[in-house]
């Protein structure tokens, strides 16, 4: 009688998770050199097989346009040869980073002579649930492999062709480099049933990381039985202080909002101190107009827009919903505030806790703003767009966590590890 395989009666998702768990056990003890060789093989393969990837991505983009998908989402979905090269460069950057596995977080010799060390170890199996951003497929795989984790990738159906092609390239490169190919897997299925099953794979999947809009993140946080590292939406603010350099303020505002509006670190709200509003806002509104940005303005901004001659901005009256909106488009909410403290109060009320920036020439104002604002990143005289793992020197990021557990802000390699204690004695008993 032929014995059944232990996988025979499992669903496709559970079978995938079991394979990932086995691959994670093989991956965890590998030295840095082996993992780095695999990452470099991935980067090379992405460049060699760019046309295969672009062709698959084109199918997704065409379907998205036919479905009437917004340009902001299509921008996130689209891969170009330049973007593929940039993704490959990010993978090489990850390969060049220090390996966190085995790092001693703390250690000491106890009074009884026992040697105690707390060291970093891989989390194990990391599940990523994300929306129409196929670059996340490669970023997540690279970071998970470098930190010794197997990764289960569940992208949205809108990027299915792109993700399938990318994972095929990744698995070929990983397997060819001597790592278990099952360390990188695409979760089977295109409907929500496979997502729900992944969220309930407790004991097989060690942690889930959702990346996407507020609805996706809320669903994963509320319905998952697997532990979740919560990444957040980006309702980011730029505050222009009473004491400021107007040219610098315009440049920072424009970069924060219009350099790439479809990403989570783009500014969504402008707050201007009343003492500088008359001098700053006409220039800012014209600059935003030149970038094609619509301003959703409070009464004081509307009044200045109407009275300032030559202002060409598209300005509309703000509603209560505008202050909490992550537009991800060429839109920004704008308000005049009475003081720095009033700006902080507004941010505390409406911010998603991602990134806030102050533009000021006052060291006292900068110090107070950074003390009072409790977001993952507070920028002084710098664009909100710098909140990014690559910009911070972490390599490609797995996401930006807005919670307050071990991972907060851009999540690089250390945030993809846990720790264990190693106790070494010499016949010690208690």
Protein backbone atom coordinates (compact mmCIF):
# COMPACT_ATOMS: atom_id res chain seq x y z
CA UNK A 1 0.00 0.00 0.00
CA UNK A 2 1.41 3.36 -1.06
CA UNK A 3 1.64 5.91 1.74
CA UNK A 4 0.15 9.32 1.17
CA UNK A 5 2.38 12.39 1.01
CA UNK A 6 1.80 14.70 3.99
CA UNK A 7 0.87 17.37 1.43
CA UNK A 8 -1.79 15.35 -0.40
CA UNK A 9 -4.81 16.55 1.58
CA UNK A 10 -3.73 20.16 2.00
CA UNK A 11 -5.06 23.20 0.17
CA UNK A 12 -2.70 24.90 -2.31
CA UNK A 13 -2.10 27.78 0.10
CA UNK A 14 -1.30 25.50 3.05
CA UNK A 15 0.93 23.36 0.86
CA UNK A 16 2.82 26.49 -0.17
CA UNK A 17 3.22 27.53 3.47
CA UNK A 18 4.59 24.10 4.43
CA UNK A 19 7.17 24.32 1.65
CA UNK A 20 8.13 27.79 2.83
CA UNK A 21 8.58 26.51 6.38
CA UNK A 22 10.91 23.79 5.18
CA UNK A 23 12.85 26.28 3.06
CA UNK A 24 13.14 28.68 6.00
CA UNK A 25 14.77 25.98 8.13
CA UNK A 26 17.35 25.37 5.40
CA UNK A 27 17.92 29.08 4.81
CA UNK A 28 18.39 30.20 8.42
CA UNK A 29 21.92 28.80 9.02
CA UNK A 30 23.38 29.85 5.66
CA UNK A 31 26.35 32.25 5.77
CA UNK A 32 26.16 35.74 4.35
CA UNK A 33 28.25 34.88 1.29
CA UNK A 34 25.74 32.31 0.05
CA UNK A 35 22.79 34.67 0.52
CA UNK A 36 24.63 37.56 -1.13
CA UNK A 37 25.51 35.41 -4.15
CA UNK A 38 21.83 34.60 -4.54
CA UNK A 39 20.88 38.28 -4.36
CA UNK A 40 23.45 39.21 -7.00
CA UNK A 41 22.11 36.40 -9.17
CA UNK A 42 18.62 37.87 -8.77
CA UNK A 43 19.82 41.34 -9.80
CA UNK A 44 21.54 39.96 -12.89
CA UNK A 45 18.50 37.88 -13.84
CA UNK A 46 16.17 40.87 -13.56
CA UNK A 47 18.28 42.80 -16.04
CA UNK A 48 18.74 39.87 -18.42
CA UNK A 49 15.02 39.06 -18.42
CA UNK A 50 13.69 42.63 -18.40
CA UNK A 51 11.68 42.24 -21.59
CA UNK A 52 9.93 39.15 -20.24
CA UNK A 53 8.98 41.15 -17.14
CA UNK A 54 7.89 44.23 -19.09
CA UNK A 55 5.72 42.13 -21.39
CA UNK A 56 3.89 40.56 -18.45
CA UNK A 57 3.53 43.95 -16.77
CA UNK A 58 2.03 45.37 -19.96
CA UNK A 59 -0.82 42.86 -19.67
CA UNK A 60 -1.60 44.14 -16.17
CA UNK A 61 -1.42 47.79 -17.21
CA UNK A 62 -3.71 47.19 -20.18
CA UNK A 63 -6.29 45.48 -17.98
CA UNK A 64 -6.05 48.32 -15.45
CA UNK A 65 -6.70 50.97 -18.10
CA UNK A 66 -9.65 49.02 -19.47
CA UNK A 67 -11.06 48.83 -15.93
CA UNK A 68 -10.81 52.62 -15.50
CA UNK A 69 -8.13 52.43 -12.81
CA UNK A 70 -6.83 55.80 -11.62
CA UNK A 71 -3.55 57.11 -13.01
CA UNK A 72 -2.05 57.11 -9.52
CA UNK A 73 -2.58 53.35 -9.21
CA UNK A 74 -1.43 52.74 -12.77
CA UNK A 75 1.76 54.62 -12.00
CA UNK A 76 2.39 52.30 -9.05
CA UNK A 77 1.65 49.29 -11.23
CA UNK A 78 3.79 50.21 -14.21
CA UNK A 79 7.27 48.79 -14.76
CA UNK A 80 9.67 50.30 -17.28
CA UNK A 81 13.19 49.20 -18.21
CA UNK A 82 14.47 52.05 -16.06
CA UNK A 83 12.40 50.93 -13.08
CA UNK A 84 13.52 47.32 -13.48
CA UNK A 85 17.15 48.49 -13.51
CA UNK A 86 16.47 50.53 -10.38
CA UNK A 87 14.93 47.47 -8.70
CA UNK A 88 17.98 45.40 -9.62
CA UNK A 89 20.22 48.13 -8.20
CA UNK A 90 18.22 48.01 -4.96
CA UNK A 91 18.83 44.25 -4.74
CA UNK A 92 22.57 44.82 -5.14
CA UNK A 93 22.38 47.45 -2.42
CA UNK A 94 20.76 44.90 -0.10
CA UNK A 95 23.52 42.40 -0.89
CA UNK A 96 26.09 44.98 0.20
CA UNK A 97 24.41 45.58 3.56
CA UNK A 98 25.59 43.89 6.77
CA UNK A 99 23.85 40.61 7.58
CA UNK A 100 21.84 41.07 10.78
CA UNK A 101 21.61 37.33 11.51
CA UNK A 102 23.90 36.35 14.34
CA UNK A 103 24.44 39.92 15.51
CA UNK A 104 24.80 40.06 19.29
CA UNK A 105 22.22 42.54 20.56
CA UNK A 106 23.55 42.32 24.09
CA UNK A 107 25.63 39.93 26.11
CA UNK A 108 27.34 39.53 29.43
CA UNK A 109 28.81 37.07 31.86
CA UNK A 110 26.41 36.60 34.76
CA UNK A 111 27.64 36.59 38.37
CA UNK A 112 27.38 32.80 38.42
CA UNK A 113 29.73 32.48 35.44
CA UNK A 114 27.12 31.70 32.79
CA UNK A 115 27.69 33.43 29.45
CA UNK A 116 24.45 35.03 28.18
CA UNK A 117 24.01 36.40 24.66
CA UNK A 118 20.95 37.72 22.85
CA UNK A 119 21.43 37.25 19.10
CA UNK A 120 19.41 38.10 16.03
CA UNK A 121 17.71 35.22 14.22
CA UNK A 122 15.35 35.12 11.22
CA UNK A 123 11.63 35.44 11.84
CA UNK A 124 11.07 32.31 9.73
CA UNK A 125 8.24 32.58 7.18
CA UNK A 126 7.17 36.11 6.31
CA UNK A 127 3.93 36.69 4.41
CA UNK A 128 3.53 39.93 2.43
CA UNK A 129 0.05 41.04 1.32
CA UNK A 130 0.25 44.01 -0.99
CA UNK A 131 -1.53 45.94 -3.71
CA UNK A 132 -0.59 47.00 -7.24
CA UNK A 133 3.16 47.58 -6.77
CA UNK A 134 5.16 44.78 -8.42
CA UNK A 135 8.44 46.31 -7.23
CA UNK A 136 7.41 45.15 -3.74
CA UNK A 137 7.69 41.57 -5.01
CA UNK A 138 11.43 41.94 -5.50
CA UNK A 139 12.09 44.28 -2.57
CA UNK A 140 10.36 41.91 -0.15
CA UNK A 141 12.08 38.83 -1.51
CA UNK A 142 15.53 40.43 -1.35
CA UNK A 143 15.14 41.67 2.21
CA UNK A 144 13.65 38.40 3.44
CA UNK A 145 16.39 36.31 1.83
CA UNK A 146 19.15 38.52 3.20
CA UNK A 147 17.70 38.24 6.70
CA UNK A 148 17.35 34.46 6.38
CA UNK A 149 13.58 34.31 5.95
CA UNK A 150 11.38 32.50 3.47
CA UNK A 151 8.76 34.78 1.91
CA UNK A 152 5.20 34.19 0.76
CA UNK A 153 4.08 36.89 -1.67
CA UNK A 154 0.41 37.70 -2.14
CA UNK A 155 0.07 40.62 -4.49
CA UNK A 156 -3.19 41.95 -5.86
CA UNK A 157 -4.91 40.36 -8.84
CA UNK A 158 -4.29 43.60 -10.76
CA UNK A 159 -0.55 42.78 -10.82
CA UNK A 160 -0.89 39.01 -11.21
CA UNK A 161 0.94 38.72 -14.54
CA UNK A 162 3.78 40.96 -13.35
CA UNK A 163 4.18 39.13 -10.05
CA UNK A 164 4.06 35.72 -11.70
CA UNK A 165 6.85 36.70 -14.09
CA UNK A 166 8.93 38.28 -11.34
CA UNK A 167 8.63 35.30 -8.99
CA UNK A 168 9.56 32.96 -11.84
CA UNK A 169 12.75 35.00 -12.37
CA UNK A 170 13.45 35.11 -8.62
CA UNK A 171 12.99 31.38 -8.09
CA UNK A 172 15.20 30.50 -11.05
CA UNK A 173 17.96 32.75 -9.74
CA UNK A 174 17.64 31.57 -6.14
CA UNK A 175 17.63 27.90 -7.08
CA UNK A 176 20.55 28.38 -9.45
CA UNK A 177 22.54 29.97 -6.64
CA UNK A 178 22.09 26.96 -4.38
CA UNK A 179 19.32 28.26 -2.11
CA UNK A 180 15.99 26.46 -1.76
CA UNK A 181 13.74 27.87 -4.50
CA UNK A 182 10.76 27.57 -2.14
CA UNK A 183 12.27 30.37 -0.07
CA UNK A 184 10.42 32.63 -2.55
CA UNK A 185 6.85 31.70 -3.46
CA UNK A 186 3.79 33.37 -4.87
CA UNK A 187 0.70 32.48 -2.85
CA UNK A 188 -1.65 30.66 -5.24
CA UNK A 189 -5.05 32.09 -6.04
CA UNK A 190 -6.41 35.39 -7.28
CA UNK A 191 -9.47 35.77 -5.06
CA UNK A 192 -9.84 36.78 -1.43
CA UNK A 193 -10.14 33.20 -0.22
CA UNK A 194 -6.39 32.69 -0.58
CA UNK A 195 -5.75 35.92 1.35
CA UNK A 196 -8.02 34.77 4.19
CA UNK A 197 -6.32 31.38 4.29
CA UNK A 198 -2.90 33.03 4.47
CA UNK A 199 -4.10 35.25 7.32
CA UNK A 200 -5.16 32.15 9.26
CA UNK A 201 -2.01 30.08 8.67
CA UNK A 202 -0.88 30.52 12.26
CA UNK A 203 1.91 28.11 13.08
CA UNK A 204 3.06 28.00 9.47
CA UNK A 205 3.48 31.72 8.81
CA UNK A 206 5.36 33.64 11.50
CA UNK A 207 4.36 37.19 10.59
CA UNK A 208 2.26 39.04 8.02
CA UNK A 209 3.10 42.47 6.64
CA UNK A 210 0.32 44.24 4.71
CA UNK A 211 1.30 46.99 2.27
CA UNK A 212 -1.37 49.07 0.61
CA UNK A 213 -4.37 51.25 1.32
CA UNK A 214 -6.14 51.74 4.62
CA UNK A 215 -8.83 49.17 3.83
CA UNK A 216 -6.33 46.39 3.09
CA UNK A 217 -4.27 47.12 6.19
CA UNK A 218 -7.34 47.29 8.44
CA UNK A 219 -8.65 43.99 7.08
CA UNK A 220 -5.37 42.16 7.71
CA UNK A 221 -4.94 43.65 11.19
CA UNK A 222 -8.51 42.85 12.26
CA UNK A 223 -8.97 39.42 10.66
CA UNK A 224 -5.54 37.77 10.82
CA UNK A 225 -4.68 35.14 13.42
CA UNK A 226 -1.05 35.38 12.29
CA UNK A 227 0.90 38.18 14.05
CA UNK A 228 0.90 41.37 11.95
CA UNK A 229 3.41 44.18 11.55
CA UNK A 230 1.16 47.05 10.59
CA UNK A 231 2.30 49.39 7.84
CA UNK A 232 0.33 52.61 7.67
CA UNK A 233 -1.13 55.04 5.22
CA UNK A 234 0.64 58.32 4.63
CA UNK A 235 -1.35 61.42 5.52
CA UNK A 236 1.86 63.48 5.70
CA UNK A 237 2.07 67.19 6.59
CA UNK A 238 4.37 70.07 5.70
CA UNK A 239 4.29 72.94 8.21
CA UNK A 240 5.77 76.31 7.18
CA UNK A 241 6.76 78.18 10.32
CA UNK A 242 6.61 81.93 11.04
CA UNK A 243 10.38 82.13 10.75
CA UNK A 244 11.28 80.51 7.47
CA UNK A 245 13.19 80.74 4.21
CA UNK A 246 10.44 81.23 1.62
CA UNK A 247 12.44 79.82 -1.30
CA UNK A 248 13.36 76.72 0.68
CA UNK A 249 9.77 76.30 1.86
CA UNK A 250 8.42 76.37 -1.71
CA UNK A 251 11.04 73.87 -2.87
CA UNK A 252 10.36 71.46 -0.01
CA UNK A 253 6.59 71.71 -0.44
CA UNK A 254 6.80 71.08 -4.17
CA UNK A 255 9.13 68.11 -3.78
CA UNK A 256 7.04 66.65 -0.96
CA UNK A 257 3.80 66.87 -2.95
CA UNK A 258 4.57 66.69 -6.65
CA UNK A 259 7.81 64.74 -7.12
CA UNK A 260 5.82 61.49 -6.98
CA UNK A 261 2.34 61.97 -5.52
CA UNK A 262 1.27 58.31 -5.67
CA UNK A 263 3.49 57.13 -2.81
CA UNK A 264 2.89 57.06 0.93
CA UNK A 265 5.59 59.60 1.81
CA UNK A 266 4.12 62.32 -0.42
CA UNK A 267 2.70 65.31 1.45
CA UNK A 268 -1.09 65.51 1.64
CA UNK A 269 -1.57 68.61 3.84
CA UNK A 270 0.11 72.02 3.96
CA UNK A 271 -0.06 74.07 7.16
CA UNK A 272 1.16 77.68 7.12
CA UNK A 273 1.74 79.97 10.12
CA UNK A 274 -0.47 83.06 9.91
CA UNK A 275 2.50 85.43 10.22
CA UNK A 276 4.01 84.23 6.95
CA UNK A 277 0.85 83.22 5.07
CA UNK A 278 0.48 86.45 3.05
CA UNK A 279 4.07 86.28 1.84
CA UNK A 280 4.28 82.53 1.32
CA UNK A 281 0.94 81.33 0.01
CA UNK A 282 0.75 83.27 -3.30
CA UNK A 283 4.16 81.88 -4.26
CA UNK A 284 3.28 78.39 -3.05
CA UNK A 285 -0.06 78.33 -4.83
CA UNK A 286 1.54 79.40 -8.11
CA UNK A 287 4.21 76.73 -7.75
CA UNK A 288 1.60 74.06 -7.01
CA UNK A 289 -0.44 75.24 -9.99
CA UNK A 290 2.60 74.86 -12.20
CA UNK A 291 2.89 71.27 -11.03
CA UNK A 292 -0.80 70.60 -11.71
CA UNK A 293 -1.79 70.34 -8.05
CA UNK A 294 -5.32 71.17 -6.87
CA UNK A 295 -5.41 72.84 -3.46
CA UNK A 296 -8.27 72.01 -1.07
CA UNK A 297 -8.19 75.15 1.03
CA UNK A 298 -9.60 76.38 4.30
CA UNK A 299 -11.28 79.81 4.47
CA UNK A 300 -8.07 81.75 5.11
CA UNK A 301 -6.21 80.11 2.25
CA UNK A 302 -9.20 80.73 -0.03
CA UNK A 303 -9.24 84.38 0.94
CA UNK A 304 -5.55 84.82 0.20
CA UNK A 305 -5.94 82.99 -3.10
CA UNK A 306 -8.74 85.35 -4.13
CA UNK A 307 -6.93 88.55 -3.12
CA UNK A 308 -3.43 87.65 -4.37
CA UNK A 309 -3.06 88.94 -7.90
CA UNK A 310 -1.62 86.55 -10.44
CA UNK A 311 -2.30 83.38 -8.47
CA UNK A 312 -3.02 80.67 -11.04
CA UNK A 313 -3.65 77.74 -8.70
CA UNK A 314 -6.72 75.57 -8.85
CA UNK A 315 -8.14 76.18 -5.40
CA UNK A 316 -11.34 74.62 -4.06
CA UNK A 317 -12.97 74.76 -0.65
CA UNK A 318 -11.85 72.02 1.69
CA UNK A 319 -14.32 69.68 3.35
CA UNK A 320 -13.89 67.89 6.67
CA UNK A 321 -12.87 64.76 4.78
CA UNK A 322 -9.92 66.49 3.12
CA UNK A 323 -7.93 66.71 6.35
CA UNK A 324 -7.88 62.93 6.77
CA UNK A 325 -7.44 62.02 3.10
CA UNK A 326 -4.41 60.31 1.64
CA UNK A 327 -4.93 61.59 -1.90
CA UNK A 328 -2.08 59.77 -3.68
CA UNK A 329 -2.73 62.25 -6.49
CA UNK A 330 -2.07 65.86 -7.49
CA UNK A 331 -4.20 67.20 -4.64
CA UNK A 332 -3.24 68.76 -1.32
CA UNK A 333 -5.21 70.17 1.61
CA UNK A 334 -4.05 73.55 2.93
CA UNK A 335 -4.77 75.60 6.04
CA UNK A 336 -3.47 78.67 7.84
CA UNK A 337 -2.75 78.05 11.54
CA UNK A 338 -2.32 80.55 14.37
CA UNK A 339 0.83 79.03 15.83
CA UNK A 340 3.25 76.12 15.84
CA UNK A 341 1.20 74.54 18.63
CA UNK A 342 -1.93 74.86 16.48
CA UNK A 343 -0.10 73.07 13.66
CA UNK A 344 0.90 70.30 16.06
CA UNK A 345 -2.71 70.02 17.29
CA UNK A 346 -3.92 69.66 13.68
CA UNK A 347 -1.32 66.99 12.98
CA UNK A 348 -2.18 65.07 16.13
CA UNK A 349 -5.85 65.10 15.12
CA UNK A 350 -5.50 64.09 11.48
CA UNK A 351 -2.09 62.52 10.85
CA UNK A 352 -1.68 58.83 10.14
CA UNK A 353 1.61 58.93 12.06
CA UNK A 354 3.81 58.54 8.99
CA UNK A 355 5.92 61.67 8.28
CA UNK A 356 5.64 65.35 9.15
CA UNK A 357 7.99 68.15 8.09
CA UNK A 358 8.69 71.64 9.44
CA UNK A 359 10.35 74.35 7.39
CA UNK A 360 11.89 76.91 9.73
CA UNK A 361 14.98 79.00 10.42
CA UNK A 362 14.29 78.86 14.16
CA UNK A 363 16.16 76.21 16.11
CA UNK A 364 13.69 76.61 18.98
CA UNK A 365 10.73 75.97 16.66
CA UNK A 366 12.43 72.94 15.10
CA UNK A 367 13.23 71.53 18.53
CA UNK A 368 9.66 72.02 19.81
CA UNK A 369 8.12 70.53 16.66
CA UNK A 370 10.29 67.42 16.82
CA UNK A 371 9.51 66.98 20.51
CA UNK A 372 5.74 67.35 20.16
CA UNK A 373 5.05 65.51 16.92
CA UNK A 374 4.80 61.74 17.40
CA UNK A 375 5.12 60.27 13.92
CA UNK A 376 7.59 57.67 12.67
CA UNK A 377 9.63 60.42 11.00
CA UNK A 378 9.87 64.14 11.68
CA UNK A 379 11.79 66.13 9.06
CA UNK A 380 13.36 69.53 9.67
CA UNK A 381 13.95 71.55 6.50
CA UNK A 382 13.73 68.43 4.37
CA UNK A 383 11.12 66.83 2.11
CA UNK A 384 8.73 64.19 3.41
CA UNK A 385 9.90 62.07 0.46
CA UNK A 386 13.05 61.10 2.36
CA UNK A 387 11.11 58.65 4.55
CA UNK A 388 12.25 55.63 2.62
CA UNK A 389 14.46 52.66 3.38
CA UNK A 390 16.73 53.34 0.43
CA UNK A 391 17.11 57.01 1.30
CA UNK A 392 17.89 56.09 4.91
CA UNK A 393 20.61 53.71 3.78
CA UNK A 394 18.71 50.55 4.69
CA UNK A 395 18.54 49.24 1.12
CA UNK A 396 15.09 48.38 -0.24
CA UNK A 397 12.47 48.51 2.50
CA UNK A 398 9.81 45.96 3.34
CA UNK A 399 7.39 48.74 4.28
CA UNK A 400 6.96 51.68 6.62
CA UNK A 401 5.52 50.68 9.96
CA UNK A 402 3.40 53.25 11.79
CA UNK A 403 2.91 51.13 14.89
CA UNK A 404 5.04 51.30 18.02
CA UNK A 405 6.38 47.79 18.42
CA UNK A 406 9.90 46.64 17.50
CA UNK A 407 9.48 47.93 13.94
CA UNK A 408 8.65 51.61 13.41
CA UNK A 409 9.32 53.68 10.31
CA UNK A 410 11.11 52.26 7.26
CA UNK A 411 11.67 48.56 7.89
CA UNK A 412 15.04 47.23 6.83
CA UNK A 413 16.88 44.04 7.64
CA UNK A 414 17.00 44.24 11.47
CA UNK A 415 13.21 44.61 11.60
CA UNK A 416 12.91 41.26 9.78
CA UNK A 417 14.65 39.43 12.60
CA UNK A 418 13.69 38.29 16.05
CA UNK A 419 16.13 37.31 18.79
CA UNK A 420 16.98 34.29 20.88
CA UNK A 421 19.08 33.89 24.00
CA UNK A 422 22.08 31.59 24.03
CA UNK A 423 23.02 30.42 27.52
CA UNK A 424 26.49 28.83 27.84
CA UNK A 425 27.58 27.26 31.10
CA UNK A 426 30.14 24.81 32.40
CA UNK A 427 28.00 22.23 34.14
CA UNK A 428 25.86 24.90 35.77
CA UNK A 429 22.69 23.77 37.52
CA UNK A 430 20.05 25.82 39.28
